Amino acid sequence: MEIELKNIGYKYKNKKLLDKIDLVFKEAVITGITGEYKSLLLEIIDAKVKPTIGEVVIDGNQVNNKNLLNIRKNVVLVTQLTENQFSNESIKEEMYFVTNYINYNSKNIEKRMYESLKIVGLDDNYLDRTISSLSSGEKKLVQIAISLVSNPKVIIFDEPFEELDYDNKKLLIKLIKRLKHKYHKTIIIASNDINMLYELTDEIVILKNGKLKVFLKTQKALQDIELLEKLNIEVPNLVKFTNKARAKKIRLMQHRDILDLIKDIYKHV
């Protein structure tokens, strides 16, 4: 499912927070967003916030009150803080709550719940677990599983790596890649973690002063040190390391996975 933003603008107390944003989020592509007011842009895409000007077009249809319920079934936002998305004590109760909210009907609703847990790597026993008994990594996985119950076509993540340690970040990266490649989901990720965006995304959006400054293939944008310095964006660690090695006449290629970089180093050192 493709999402198009046409001339999106947003004002708050006469201050322009977003201005003239034109973007197309392609089907089955992982797009990263970084910079100012990225979370606001996510809420506009998810139809939680209405833009002051412009329109959001999802699957060829302009978002409005008449098709909002259908949008809720097909576009889900996984919020930054897990606690903000849970309203019930158990995972099963939370899944029922979400499906009732979006009026999602299925003859085999519990089967869908089990399938959603399986997709994120959790077994059937989790359905009866209480949310308070989960670790931070498990909460993030459950949060995603709950979002998958209605089988949405678009999954939006707001700072998904914020509460996770390194191991759980790597697990989440694998999961997001699987959602794209195996289940053909359109995925949008807003994050300040440039290293994770560099490794994970296909395309990158950079916002500054409420305007769209960059919308390019991730490797093209995040390997351009001059561009990143101009926009005050951190250079990914793998790019910095590779450039330092090249300055010492070590002929390394640019890699987005550290394991690939290590293999390349062994060839030259």
C-alpha atoms as a PDB file:
ATOM      1  CA  MET A   1       0.000   0.000   0.000  1.00  0.00           C
ATOM      2  CA  GLU A   2       1.407   3.367  -1.068  1.00  0.00           C
ATOM      3  CA  ILE A   3       1.024   6.604   0.883  1.00  0.00           C
ATOM      4  CA  GLU A   4       1.341  10.039  -0.688  1.00  0.00           C
ATOM      5  CA  LEU A   5       1.622  13.358   1.132  1.00  0.00           C
ATOM      6  CA  LYS A   6       0.621  16.360  -0.969  1.00  0.00           C
ATOM      7  CA  ASN A   7       1.696  19.849   0.129  1.00  0.00           C
ATOM      8  CA  ILE A   8       1.348  18.986   3.814  1.00  0.00           C
ATOM      9  CA  GLY A   9       1.569  21.922   6.215  1.00  0.00           C
ATOM     10  CA  TYR A  10       0.819  22.245   9.914  1.00  0.00           C
ATOM     11  CA  LYS A  11       0.528  25.323  12.095  1.00  0.00           C
ATOM     12  CA  TYR A  12       0.317  25.581  15.871  1.00  0.00           C
ATOM     13  CA  LYS A  13      -0.438  28.986  17.390  1.00  0.00           C
ATOM     14  CA  ASN A  14       0.428  30.631  14.077  1.00  0.00           C
ATOM     15  CA  LYS A  15       3.842  28.926  13.995  1.00  0.00           C
ATOM     16  CA  LYS A  16       4.617  26.739  10.987  1.00  0.00           C
ATOM     17  CA  LEU A  17       5.846  23.381  12.226  1.00  0.00           C
ATOM     18  CA  LEU A  18       5.615  21.658   8.836  1.00  0.00           C
ATOM     19  CA  ASP A  19       5.561  23.366   5.463  1.00  0.00           C
ATOM     20  CA  LYS A  20       5.114  22.087   1.893  1.00  0.00           C
ATOM     21  CA  ILE A  21       5.877  18.425   2.545  1.00  0.00           C
ATOM     22  CA  ASP A  22       5.526  16.269  -0.578  1.00  0.00           C
ATOM     23  CA  LEU A  23       6.433  12.606  -0.148  1.00  0.00           C
ATOM     24  CA  VAL A  24       5.577   9.178  -1.498  1.00  0.00           C
ATOM     25  CA  PHE A  25       6.064   6.149   0.743  1.00  0.00           C
ATOM     26  CA  LYS A  26       6.304   3.208  -1.632  1.00  0.00           C
ATOM     27  CA  GLU A  27       4.744  -0.196  -1.092  1.00  0.00           C
ATOM     28  CA  ALA A  28       6.961  -2.807   0.618  1.00  0.00           C
ATOM     29  CA  VAL A  29       9.732  -0.242   1.179  1.00  0.00           C
ATOM     30  CA  ILE A  30      11.269   0.736   4.535  1.00  0.00           C
ATOM     31  CA  THR A  31      11.481   4.519   4.782  1.00  0.00           C
ATOM     32  CA  GLY A  32      13.250   6.287   7.634  1.00  0.00           C
ATOM     33  CA  ILE A  33      12.419   9.785   8.877  1.00  0.00           C
ATOM     34  CA  THR A  34      14.736  11.889  11.014  1.00  0.00           C
ATOM     35  CA  GLY A  35      14.850  15.543  12.002  1.00  0.00           C
ATOM     36  CA  GLU A  36      12.440  18.027  13.550  1.00  0.00           C
ATOM     37  CA  TYR A  37       8.716  17.256  13.970  1.00  0.00           C
ATOM     38  CA  LYS A  38       9.071  13.735  12.649  1.00  0.00           C
ATOM     39  CA  SER A  39       6.590  12.380  15.219  1.00  0.00           C
ATOM     40  CA  LEU A  40       4.051  15.024  14.175  1.00  0.00           C
ATOM     41  CA  LEU A  41       4.433  13.893  10.573  1.00  0.00           C
ATOM     42  CA  LEU A  42       3.766  10.292  11.653  1.00  0.00           C
ATOM     43  CA  GLU A  43       0.553  11.323  13.393  1.00  0.00           C
ATOM     44  CA  ILE A  44      -0.587  13.103  10.232  1.00  0.00           C
ATOM     45  CA  ILE A  45       0.119   9.992   8.152  1.00  0.00           C
ATOM     46  CA  ASP A  46      -1.763   7.885  10.708  1.00  0.00           C
ATOM     47  CA  ALA A  47      -4.704  10.362  10.596  1.00  0.00           C
ATOM     48  CA  LYS A  48      -4.435  11.082  14.320  1.00  0.00           C
ATOM     49  CA  VAL A  49      -3.692  14.724  13.469  1.00  0.00           C
ATOM     50  CA  LYS A  50      -5.279  16.649  10.621  1.00  0.00           C
ATOM     51  CA  PRO A  51      -2.890  18.837   8.600  1.00  0.00           C
ATOM     52  CA  THR A  52      -3.581  22.566   8.395  1.00  0.00           C
ATOM     53  CA  ILE A  53      -3.149  22.350   4.631  1.00  0.00           C
ATOM     54  CA  GLY A  54      -2.601  19.569   2.115  1.00  0.00           C
ATOM     55  CA  GLU A  55      -3.861  16.033   1.864  1.00  0.00           C
ATOM     56  CA  VAL A  56      -2.863  12.472   2.696  1.00  0.00           C
ATOM     57  CA  VAL A  57      -3.649   9.903  -0.003  1.00  0.00           C
ATOM     58  CA  ILE A  58      -3.540   6.229   0.981  1.00  0.00           C
ATOM     59  CA  ASP A  59      -3.922   3.534  -1.659  1.00  0.00           C
ATOM     60  CA  GLY A  60      -5.246   6.153  -4.079  1.00  0.00           C
ATOM     61  CA  ASN A  61      -7.894   7.532  -1.702  1.00  0.00           C
ATOM     62  CA  GLN A  62      -7.738  10.844   0.132  1.00  0.00           C
ATOM     63  CA  VAL A  63      -8.067  10.323   3.886  1.00  0.00           C
ATOM     64  CA  ASN A  64     -11.339  11.691   5.261  1.00  0.00           C
ATOM     65  CA  ASN A  65     -13.928  10.918   7.938  1.00  0.00           C
ATOM     66  CA  LYS A  66     -15.790   8.497   5.669  1.00  0.00           C
ATOM     67  CA  ASN A  67     -12.841   6.149   5.137  1.00  0.00           C
ATOM     68  CA  LEU A  68     -11.097   6.716   8.462  1.00  0.00           C
ATOM     69  CA  LEU A  69     -12.143   3.344   9.927  1.00  0.00           C
ATOM     70  CA  ASN A  70     -10.687   1.507   6.942  1.00  0.00           C
ATOM     71  CA  ILE A  71      -7.485   3.506   7.344  1.00  0.00           C
ATOM     72  CA  ARG A  72      -7.307   2.409  10.993  1.00  0.00           C
ATOM     73  CA  LYS A  73      -7.393  -1.246   9.880  1.00  0.00           C
ATOM     74  CA  ASN A  74      -4.685  -0.857   7.266  1.00  0.00           C
ATOM     75  CA  VAL A  75      -2.342   1.710   8.837  1.00  0.00           C
ATOM     76  CA  VAL A  76      -1.035   1.225  12.392  1.00  0.00           C
ATOM     77  CA  LEU A  77       1.247   3.387  14.500  1.00  0.00           C
ATOM     78  CA  VAL A  78       3.550   1.692  17.019  1.00  0.00           C
ATOM     79  CA  THR A  79       4.203   4.455  19.539  1.00  0.00           C
ATOM     80  CA  GLN A  80       7.551   5.255  21.134  1.00  0.00           C
ATOM     81  CA  LEU A  81       6.620   4.406  24.728  1.00  0.00           C
ATOM     82  CA  THR A  82       4.995   0.992  25.104  1.00  0.00           C
ATOM     83  CA  GLU A  83       3.002   2.064  28.165  1.00  0.00           C
ATOM     84  CA  ASN A  84       1.183   4.669  26.063  1.00  0.00           C
ATOM     85  CA  GLN A  85      -0.280   1.976  23.814  1.00  0.00           C
ATOM     86  CA  PHE A  86      -1.548  -0.485  26.454  1.00  0.00           C
ATOM     87  CA  SER A  87      -4.954  -0.008  28.071  1.00  0.00           C
ATOM     88  CA  ASN A  88      -5.589  -3.458  29.579  1.00  0.00           C
ATOM     89  CA  GLU A  89      -3.926  -5.892  31.949  1.00  0.00           C
ATOM     90  CA  SER A  90      -3.472  -8.961  29.715  1.00  0.00           C
ATOM     91  CA  ILE A  91      -2.267  -9.313  26.144  1.00  0.00           C
ATOM     92  CA  LYS A  92      -5.468 -11.079  25.078  1.00  0.00           C
ATOM     93  CA  GLU A  93      -7.619  -8.292  26.553  1.00  0.00           C
ATOM     94  CA  GLU A  94      -5.507  -5.697  24.777  1.00  0.00           C
ATOM     95  CA  MET A  95      -5.867  -7.494  21.445  1.00  0.00           C
ATOM     96  CA  TYR A  96      -9.644  -7.710  21.851  1.00  0.00           C
ATOM     97  CA  PHE A  97      -9.735  -4.026  22.810  1.00  0.00           C
ATOM     98  CA  VAL A  98      -7.836  -2.990  19.665  1.00  0.00           C
ATOM     99  CA  THR A  99      -9.885  -5.160  17.292  1.00  0.00           C
ATOM    100  CA  ASN A 100     -13.149  -3.850  18.766  1.00  0.00           C
ATOM    101  CA  TYR A 101     -11.904  -0.256  18.483  1.00  0.00           C
ATOM    102  CA  ILE A 102     -11.254  -0.563  14.756  1.00  0.00           C
ATOM    103  CA  ASN A 103     -14.321  -2.769  14.223  1.00  0.00           C
ATOM    104  CA  TYR A 104     -12.192  -5.616  12.902  1.00  0.00           C
ATOM    105  CA  ASN A 105     -14.278  -8.752  12.450  1.00  0.00           C
ATOM    106  CA  SER A 106     -12.818 -12.204  11.965  1.00  0.00           C
ATOM    107  CA  LYS A 107     -14.325 -15.672  12.468  1.00  0.00           C
ATOM    108  CA  ASN A 108     -11.000 -16.876  13.825  1.00  0.00           C
ATOM    109  CA  ILE A 109      -9.939 -13.874  15.871  1.00  0.00           C
ATOM    110  CA  GLU A 110      -7.930 -15.884  18.417  1.00  0.00           C
ATOM    111  CA  LYS A 111      -6.131 -17.662  15.571  1.00  0.00           C
ATOM    112  CA  ARG A 112      -5.156 -14.209  14.257  1.00  0.00           C
ATOM    113  CA  MET A 113      -3.868 -13.350  17.732  1.00  0.00           C
ATOM    114  CA  TYR A 114      -1.697 -16.467  17.845  1.00  0.00           C
ATOM    115  CA  GLU A 115      -0.410 -15.790  14.325  1.00  0.00           C
ATOM    116  CA  SER A 116       0.526 -12.231  15.273  1.00  0.00           C
ATOM    117  CA  LEU A 117       2.508 -13.443  18.271  1.00  0.00           C
ATOM    118  CA  LYS A 118       4.237 -16.039  16.094  1.00  0.00           C
ATOM    119  CA  ILE A 119       5.288 -13.397  13.538  1.00  0.00           C
ATOM    120  CA  VAL A 120       7.189 -11.471  16.222  1.00  0.00           C
ATOM    121  CA  GLY A 121       8.737 -14.650  17.623  1.00  0.00           C
ATOM    122  CA  LEU A 122       6.554 -15.208  20.698  1.00  0.00           C
ATOM    123  CA  ASP A 123       4.719 -18.452  21.470  1.00  0.00           C
ATOM    124  CA  ASP A 124       1.034 -19.074  22.256  1.00  0.00           C
ATOM    125  CA  ASN A 125       1.553 -18.866  26.010  1.00  0.00           C
ATOM    126  CA  TYR A 126       2.060 -15.114  25.787  1.00  0.00           C
ATOM    127  CA  LEU A 127      -1.613 -14.531  24.996  1.00  0.00           C
ATOM    128  CA  ASP A 128      -2.529 -15.086  28.667  1.00  0.00           C
ATOM    129  CA  ARG A 129       0.447 -13.182  30.086  1.00  0.00           C
ATOM    130  CA  THR A 130      -0.004  -9.870  31.841  1.00  0.00           C
ATOM    131  CA  ILE A 131       1.696  -6.906  30.249  1.00  0.00           C
ATOM    132  CA  SER A 132       3.299  -5.913  33.560  1.00  0.00           C
ATOM    133  CA  SER A 133       5.169  -9.251  33.653  1.00  0.00           C
ATOM    134  CA  LEU A 134       7.014  -8.565  30.399  1.00  0.00           C
ATOM    135  CA  SER A 135      10.535  -7.230  29.902  1.00  0.00           C
ATOM    136  CA  SER A 136      11.020  -4.044  27.883  1.00  0.00           C
ATOM    137  CA  GLY A 137      12.022  -6.092  24.832  1.00  0.00           C
ATOM    138  CA  GLU A 138       8.975  -8.359  25.186  1.00  0.00           C
ATOM    139  CA  LYS A 139       6.703  -5.334  25.566  1.00  0.00           C
ATOM    140  CA  LYS A 140       7.951  -3.932  22.270  1.00  0.00           C
ATOM    141  CA  LEU A 141       7.368  -7.266  20.518  1.00  0.00           C
ATOM    142  CA  VAL A 142       3.883  -7.567  22.031  1.00  0.00           C
ATOM    143  CA  GLN A 143       3.146  -3.979  21.039  1.00  0.00           C
ATOM    144  CA  ILE A 144       3.972  -4.899  17.435  1.00  0.00           C
ATOM    145  CA  ALA A 145       2.035  -8.189  17.635  1.00  0.00           C
ATOM    146  CA  ILE A 146      -1.075  -6.315  18.785  1.00  0.00           C
ATOM    147  CA  SER A 147      -0.685  -3.949  15.848  1.00  0.00           C
ATOM    148  CA  LEU A 148      -0.508  -6.918  13.460  1.00  0.00           C
ATOM    149  CA  VAL A 149      -3.791  -8.543  14.500  1.00  0.00           C
ATOM    150  CA  SER A 150      -5.822  -6.734  11.813  1.00  0.00           C
ATOM    151  CA  ASN A 151      -3.138  -7.612   9.209  1.00  0.00           C
ATOM    152  CA  PRO A 152      -2.380  -3.960   8.328  1.00  0.00           C
ATOM    153  CA  LYS A 153      -0.609  -3.050   5.104  1.00  0.00           C
ATOM    154  CA  VAL A 154       1.354  -0.131   6.585  1.00  0.00           C
ATOM    155  CA  ILE A 155       3.261  -0.188   9.889  1.00  0.00           C
ATOM    156  CA  ILE A 156       4.611   3.061  11.311  1.00  0.00           C
ATOM    157  CA  PHE A 157       7.209   3.056  14.091  1.00  0.00           C
ATOM    158  CA  ASP A 158       7.986   6.073  16.271  1.00  0.00           C
ATOM    159  CA  GLU A 159      11.462   5.731  17.857  1.00  0.00           C
ATOM    160  CA  PRO A 160      11.192   1.912  18.078  1.00  0.00           C
ATOM    161  CA  PHE A 161      14.758   1.437  19.393  1.00  0.00           C
ATOM    162  CA  GLU A 162      14.545   3.979  22.227  1.00  0.00           C
ATOM    163  CA  GLU A 163      13.888   1.613  25.156  1.00  0.00           C
ATOM    164  CA  LEU A 164      15.882  -1.375  23.888  1.00  0.00           C
ATOM    165  CA  ASP A 165      19.360  -2.724  24.590  1.00  0.00           C
ATOM    166  CA  TYR A 166      21.679  -3.706  21.736  1.00  0.00           C
ATOM    167  CA  ASP A 167      20.501  -7.337  21.490  1.00  0.00           C
ATOM    168  CA  ASN A 168      16.836  -6.350  21.389  1.00  0.00           C
ATOM    169  CA  LYS A 169      17.600  -3.670  18.788  1.00  0.00           C
ATOM    170  CA  LYS A 170      19.124  -6.336  16.539  1.00  0.00           C
ATOM    171  CA  LEU A 171      16.096  -8.597  17.049  1.00  0.00           C
ATOM    172  CA  LEU A 172      13.785  -5.735  16.127  1.00  0.00           C
ATOM    173  CA  ILE A 173      15.800  -4.974  12.988  1.00  0.00           C
ATOM    174  CA  LYS A 174      15.443  -8.617  11.894  1.00  0.00           C
ATOM    175  CA  LEU A 175      11.706  -8.488  12.585  1.00  0.00           C
ATOM    176  CA  ILE A 176      11.190  -5.293  10.596  1.00  0.00           C
ATOM    177  CA  LYS A 177      13.148  -6.734   7.660  1.00  0.00           C
ATOM    178  CA  ARG A 178      10.986  -9.859   7.812  1.00  0.00           C
ATOM    179  CA  LEU A 179       7.800  -7.762   7.816  1.00  0.00           C
ATOM    180  CA  LYS A 180       9.011  -6.177   4.599  1.00  0.00           C
ATOM    181  CA  HIS A 181      10.424  -9.172   2.749  1.00  0.00           C
ATOM    182  CA  LYS A 182       8.075 -11.978   3.839  1.00  0.00           C
ATOM    183  CA  TYR A 183       4.840 -10.074   4.501  1.00  0.00           C
ATOM    184  CA  HIS A 184       5.355  -7.185   2.026  1.00  0.00           C
ATOM    185  CA  LYS A 185       4.485  -4.459   4.528  1.00  0.00           C
ATOM    186  CA  THR A 186       5.082  -0.793   3.848  1.00  0.00           C
ATOM    187  CA  ILE A 187       7.144   0.431   6.789  1.00  0.00           C
ATOM    188  CA  ILE A 188       7.881   3.958   8.017  1.00  0.00           C
ATOM    189  CA  ILE A 189      10.326   4.533  10.881  1.00  0.00           C
ATOM    190  CA  ALA A 190      10.901   7.859  12.630  1.00  0.00           C
ATOM    191  CA  SER A 191      14.096   7.833  14.682  1.00  0.00           C
ATOM    192  CA  ASN A 192      17.112   9.864  15.788  1.00  0.00           C
ATOM    193  CA  ASP A 193      19.196   6.667  15.759  1.00  0.00           C
ATOM    194  CA  ILE A 194      21.091   7.258  12.517  1.00  0.00           C
ATOM    195  CA  ASN A 195      23.072   4.027  12.875  1.00  0.00           C
ATOM    196  CA  MET A 196      19.904   1.940  12.946  1.00  0.00           C
ATOM    197  CA  LEU A 197      18.300   3.909  10.108  1.00  0.00           C
ATOM    198  CA  TYR A 198      21.451   3.426   8.027  1.00  0.00           C
ATOM    199  CA  GLU A 199      21.430  -0.327   8.550  1.00  0.00           C
ATOM    200  CA  LEU A 200      17.702  -0.852   8.133  1.00  0.00           C
ATOM    201  CA  THR A 201      16.018   1.566   5.741  1.00  0.00           C
ATOM    202  CA  ASP A 202      15.796   1.718   1.950  1.00  0.00           C
ATOM    203  CA  GLU A 203      15.026   5.441   1.745  1.00  0.00           C
ATOM    204  CA  ILE A 204      15.572   8.326   4.138  1.00  0.00           C
ATOM    205  CA  VAL A 205      13.664  11.553   4.816  1.00  0.00           C
ATOM    206  CA  ILE A 206      15.444  14.413   6.605  1.00  0.00           C
ATOM    207  CA  LEU A 207      13.385  17.290   7.996  1.00  0.00           C
ATOM    208  CA  LYS A 208      14.787  20.633   9.116  1.00  0.00           C
ATOM    209  CA  ASN A 209      12.973  23.793  10.195  1.00  0.00           C
ATOM    210  CA  GLY A 210       9.680  22.179   9.223  1.00  0.00           C
ATOM    211  CA  LYS A 211      10.759  21.584   5.636  1.00  0.00           C
ATOM    212  CA  LEU A 212      11.717  18.528   3.645  1.00  0.00           C
ATOM    213  CA  LYS A 213      15.465  18.753   3.025  1.00  0.00           C
ATOM    214  CA  VAL A 214      16.313  15.240   1.854  1.00  0.00           C
ATOM    215  CA  PHE A 215      14.375  12.347   0.337  1.00  0.00           C
ATOM    216  CA  LEU A 216      16.896   9.923  -1.132  1.00  0.00           C
ATOM    217  CA  LYS A 217      18.081   6.339  -1.104  1.00  0.00           C
ATOM    218  CA  THR A 218      19.534   5.765   2.357  1.00  0.00           C
ATOM    219  CA  GLN A 219      23.039   4.878   1.217  1.00  0.00           C
ATOM    220  CA  LYS A 220      23.277   7.896  -1.076  1.00  0.00           C
ATOM    221  CA  ALA A 221      22.173  10.308   1.660  1.00  0.00           C
ATOM    222  CA  LEU A 222      23.896   8.875   4.731  1.00  0.00           C
ATOM    223  CA  GLN A 223      27.238   8.311   3.008  1.00  0.00           C
ATOM    224  CA  ASP A 224      27.347  11.974   1.942  1.00  0.00           C
ATOM    225  CA  ILE A 225      29.309  13.476   4.847  1.00  0.00           C
ATOM    226  CA  GLU A 226      29.223  16.992   3.436  1.00  0.00           C
ATOM    227  CA  LEU A 227      25.416  16.857   3.196  1.00  0.00           C
ATOM    228  CA  LEU A 228      25.041  15.460   6.719  1.00  0.00           C
ATOM    229  CA  GLU A 229      27.336  18.082   8.238  1.00  0.00           C
ATOM    230  CA  LYS A 230      25.420  20.836   6.452  1.00  0.00           C
ATOM    231  CA  LEU A 231      22.155  19.555   7.964  1.00  0.00           C
ATOM    232  CA  ASN A 232      23.750  18.850  11.377  1.00  0.00           C
ATOM    233  CA  ILE A 233      22.967  15.127  11.083  1.00  0.00           C
ATOM    234  CA  GLU A 234      25.234  12.530  12.697  1.00  0.00           C
ATOM    235  CA  VAL A 235      27.373  10.472  10.316  1.00  0.00           C
ATOM    236  CA  PRO A 236      26.719   6.713  10.779  1.00  0.00           C
ATOM    237  CA  ASN A 237      29.531   4.949  12.646  1.00  0.00           C
ATOM    238  CA  LEU A 238      30.153   2.448   9.843  1.00  0.00           C
ATOM    239  CA  VAL A 239      30.565   5.292   7.340  1.00  0.00           C
ATOM    240  CA  LYS A 240      33.001   7.138   9.636  1.00  0.00           C
ATOM    241  CA  PHE A 241      35.081   4.002  10.219  1.00  0.00           C
ATOM    242  CA  THR A 242      35.226   3.117   6.522  1.00  0.00           C
ATOM    243  CA  ASN A 243      36.242   6.650   5.530  1.00  0.00           C
ATOM    244  CA  LYS A 244      39.038   6.658   8.137  1.00  0.00           C
ATOM    245  CA  ALA A 245      40.259   3.309   6.823  1.00  0.00           C
ATOM    246  CA  ARG A 246      40.209   4.604   3.256  1.00  0.00           C
ATOM    247  CA  ALA A 247      42.229   7.636   4.339  1.00  0.00           C
ATOM    248  CA  LYS A 248      44.905   5.132   5.427  1.00  0.00           C
ATOM    249  CA  LYS A 249      44.808   3.471   1.982  1.00  0.00           C
ATOM    250  CA  ILE A 250      42.751   0.458   3.175  1.00  0.00           C
ATOM    251  CA  ARG A 251      40.371  -0.256   0.322  1.00  0.00           C
ATOM    252  CA  LEU A 252      37.158  -1.031   2.179  1.00  0.00           C
ATOM    253  CA  MET A 253      33.714  -0.888   0.616  1.00  0.00           C
ATOM    254  CA  GLN A 254      30.859   0.921   2.340  1.00  0.00           C
ATOM    255  CA  HIS A 255      28.769  -1.596   4.292  1.00  0.00           C
ATOM    256  CA  ARG A 256      25.539  -1.211   6.239  1.00  0.00           C
ATOM    257  CA  ASP A 257      26.009  -4.368   8.319  1.00  0.00           C
ATOM    258  CA  ILE A 258      28.932  -4.604  10.724  1.00  0.00           C
ATOM    259  CA  LEU A 259      29.444  -8.312   9.994  1.00  0.00           C
ATOM    260  CA  ASP A 260      29.921  -7.531   6.310  1.00  0.00           C
ATOM    261  CA  LEU A 261      32.399  -4.811   7.255  1.00  0.00           C
ATOM    262  CA  ILE A 262      34.362  -7.227   9.453  1.00  0.00           C
ATOM    263  CA  LYS A 263      34.584  -9.741   6.578  1.00  0.00           C
ATOM    264  CA  ASP A 264      35.869  -6.970   4.314  1.00  0.00           C
ATOM    265  CA  ILE A 265      38.476  -5.946   6.893  1.00  0.00           C
ATOM    266  CA  TYR A 266      39.821  -9.524   7.076  1.00  0.00           C
ATOM    267  CA  LYS A 267      40.365  -9.433   3.325  1.00  0.00           C
ATOM    268  CA  HIS A 268      42.550  -6.338   3.539  1.00  0.00           C
ATOM    269  CA  VAL A 269      44.322  -6.505   6.879  1.00  0.00           C
END
